[in-house]
């Protein structure tokens, strides 16, 4: 029984990790994923977050939001927090 539970847990963790790498989740991207993204992917994640909240995003809006998200994600213990949590902090 323990072996089955371990296999199921491993499968869930693998699928979770794969889904985090499979695309741009916008504001639901976790800080742990965000900080490991390329600069271009970070820009796209922030752009998607902003456009889903506001309908559009200028280059200046994106640049300012990236600064805020970067600072937000540098706080200790934020690895599992979504980047759109920056609006709550």
C-alpha atoms as a PDB file:
ATOM      1  CA  UNK A   1       0.000   0.000   0.000  1.00  0.00           C
ATOM      2  CA  UNK A   2       2.808   2.432   0.852  1.00  0.00           C
ATOM      3  CA  UNK A   3       4.384   1.720  -2.532  1.00  0.00           C
ATOM      4  CA  UNK A   4       1.151   2.649  -4.345  1.00  0.00           C
ATOM      5  CA  UNK A   5       0.846   5.885  -2.365  1.00  0.00           C
ATOM      6  CA  UNK A   6       4.451   6.746  -3.147  1.00  0.00           C
ATOM      7  CA  UNK A   7       3.925   6.116  -6.870  1.00  0.00           C
ATOM      8  CA  UNK A   8       0.764   8.232  -6.945  1.00  0.00           C
ATOM      9  CA  UNK A   9       2.511  11.041  -5.042  1.00  0.00           C
ATOM     10  CA  UNK A  10       5.432  10.940  -7.453  1.00  0.00           C
ATOM     11  CA  UNK A  11       3.061  11.085 -10.432  1.00  0.00           C
ATOM     12  CA  UNK A  12       1.244  14.097  -8.978  1.00  0.00           C
ATOM     13  CA  UNK A  13       4.511  15.928  -8.292  1.00  0.00           C
ATOM     14  CA  UNK A  14       5.780  15.172 -11.788  1.00  0.00           C
ATOM     15  CA  UNK A  15       2.597  16.426 -13.432  1.00  0.00           C
ATOM     16  CA  UNK A  16       2.627  19.541 -11.264  1.00  0.00           C
ATOM     17  CA  UNK A  17       6.230  20.299 -12.201  1.00  0.00           C
ATOM     18  CA  UNK A  18       5.532  19.702 -15.886  1.00  0.00           C
ATOM     19  CA  UNK A  19       2.493  21.964 -15.880  1.00  0.00           C
ATOM     20  CA  UNK A  20       4.560  24.779 -14.366  1.00  0.00           C
ATOM     21  CA  UNK A  21       7.011  24.551 -17.258  1.00  0.00           C
ATOM     22  CA  UNK A  22       4.534  24.000 -20.053  1.00  0.00           C
ATOM     23  CA  UNK A  23       3.472  27.575 -20.602  1.00  0.00           C
ATOM     24  CA  UNK A  24       2.840  31.048 -19.423  1.00  0.00           C
ATOM     25  CA  UNK A  25       0.360  30.997 -16.550  1.00  0.00           C
ATOM     26  CA  UNK A  26       0.321  34.769 -16.166  1.00  0.00           C
ATOM     27  CA  UNK A  27      -0.631  35.869 -12.669  1.00  0.00           C
ATOM     28  CA  UNK A  28      -0.961  32.307 -11.385  1.00  0.00           C
ATOM     29  CA  UNK A  29       2.726  31.675 -12.095  1.00  0.00           C
ATOM     30  CA  UNK A  30       4.432  30.922  -8.789  1.00  0.00           C
ATOM     31  CA  UNK A  31       7.395  32.961  -7.650  1.00  0.00           C
ATOM     32  CA  UNK A  32       9.493  29.798  -7.676  1.00  0.00           C
ATOM     33  CA  UNK A  33       8.754  29.333 -11.367  1.00  0.00           C
ATOM     34  CA  UNK A  34       8.990  33.039 -12.150  1.00  0.00           C
ATOM     35  CA  UNK A  35      12.501  33.532 -10.771  1.00  0.00           C
ATOM     36  CA  UNK A  36      13.748  30.614 -12.877  1.00  0.00           C
ATOM     37  CA  UNK A  37      12.238  31.960 -16.113  1.00  0.00           C
ATOM     38  CA  UNK A  38      14.210  33.802 -18.760  1.00  0.00           C
ATOM     39  CA  UNK A  39      13.754  37.580 -18.821  1.00  0.00           C
ATOM     40  CA  UNK A  40      11.540  37.252 -21.901  1.00  0.00           C
ATOM     41  CA  UNK A  41       9.335  34.640 -20.233  1.00  0.00           C
ATOM     42  CA  UNK A  42       9.063  36.834 -17.118  1.00  0.00           C
ATOM     43  CA  UNK A  43       7.972  39.728 -19.324  1.00  0.00           C
ATOM     44  CA  UNK A  44       5.326  37.556 -20.980  1.00  0.00           C
ATOM     45  CA  UNK A  45       4.024  36.276 -17.631  1.00  0.00           C
ATOM     46  CA  UNK A  46       3.716  39.823 -16.272  1.00  0.00           C
ATOM     47  CA  UNK A  47       2.131  41.049 -19.513  1.00  0.00           C
ATOM     48  CA  UNK A  48      -0.454  38.247 -19.357  1.00  0.00           C
ATOM     49  CA  UNK A  49      -1.143  39.039 -15.695  1.00  0.00           C
ATOM     50  CA  UNK A  50      -1.665  42.736 -16.451  1.00  0.00           C
ATOM     51  CA  UNK A  51      -3.819  42.211 -19.539  1.00  0.00           C
ATOM     52  CA  UNK A  52      -6.036  39.727 -17.711  1.00  0.00           C
ATOM     53  CA  UNK A  53      -6.577  42.304 -14.946  1.00  0.00           C
ATOM     54  CA  UNK A  54      -6.712  45.518 -16.966  1.00  0.00           C
ATOM     55  CA  UNK A  55      -7.342  44.532 -20.581  1.00  0.00           C
ATOM     56  CA  UNK A  56      -4.056  45.982 -21.832  1.00  0.00           C
ATOM     57  CA  UNK A  57      -0.541  46.766 -20.693  1.00  0.00           C
ATOM     58  CA  UNK A  58       1.944  49.334 -21.963  1.00  0.00           C
ATOM     59  CA  UNK A  59       5.673  48.659 -21.983  1.00  0.00           C
ATOM     60  CA  UNK A  60       6.010  51.054 -19.029  1.00  0.00           C
ATOM     61  CA  UNK A  61       3.284  49.188 -17.103  1.00  0.00           C
ATOM     62  CA  UNK A  62       5.066  45.899 -17.754  1.00  0.00           C
ATOM     63  CA  UNK A  63       8.465  47.277 -16.709  1.00  0.00           C
ATOM     64  CA  UNK A  64       7.084  48.696 -13.452  1.00  0.00           C
ATOM     65  CA  UNK A  65       5.133  45.528 -12.685  1.00  0.00           C
ATOM     66  CA  UNK A  66       8.251  43.405 -13.272  1.00  0.00           C
ATOM     67  CA  UNK A  67      10.130  45.492 -10.692  1.00  0.00           C
ATOM     68  CA  UNK A  68       7.305  44.953  -8.206  1.00  0.00           C
ATOM     69  CA  UNK A  69       7.003  41.226  -8.932  1.00  0.00           C
ATOM     70  CA  UNK A  70      10.773  40.757  -8.662  1.00  0.00           C
ATOM     71  CA  UNK A  71      10.794  42.458  -5.250  1.00  0.00           C
ATOM     72  CA  UNK A  72       7.716  40.494  -4.140  1.00  0.00           C
ATOM     73  CA  UNK A  73       9.241  37.169  -5.156  1.00  0.00           C
ATOM     74  CA  UNK A  74      12.524  37.910  -3.342  1.00  0.00           C
ATOM     75  CA  UNK A  75      10.785  37.827   0.046  1.00  0.00           C
ATOM     76  CA  UNK A  76      11.534  34.695   2.055  1.00  0.00           C
ATOM     77  CA  UNK A  77       8.938  31.947   1.748  1.00  0.00           C
ATOM     78  CA  UNK A  78       7.325  33.216  -1.449  1.00  0.00           C
ATOM     79  CA  UNK A  79       8.309  30.295  -3.716  1.00  0.00           C
ATOM     80  CA  UNK A  80       4.771  28.874  -3.836  1.00  0.00           C
ATOM     81  CA  UNK A  81       2.978  32.232  -3.983  1.00  0.00           C
ATOM     82  CA  UNK A  82       1.425  33.370  -7.261  1.00  0.00           C
ATOM     83  CA  UNK A  83       2.957  36.492  -8.757  1.00  0.00           C
ATOM     84  CA  UNK A  84      -0.412  38.253  -8.801  1.00  0.00           C
ATOM     85  CA  UNK A  85      -0.155  38.251  -5.006  1.00  0.00           C
ATOM     86  CA  UNK A  86       1.886  41.398  -5.536  1.00  0.00           C
ATOM     87  CA  UNK A  87      -1.472  43.192  -5.626  1.00  0.00           C
ATOM     88  CA  UNK A  88      -2.217  42.008  -2.098  1.00  0.00           C
ATOM     89  CA  UNK A  89       1.103  42.965  -0.542  1.00  0.00           C
END
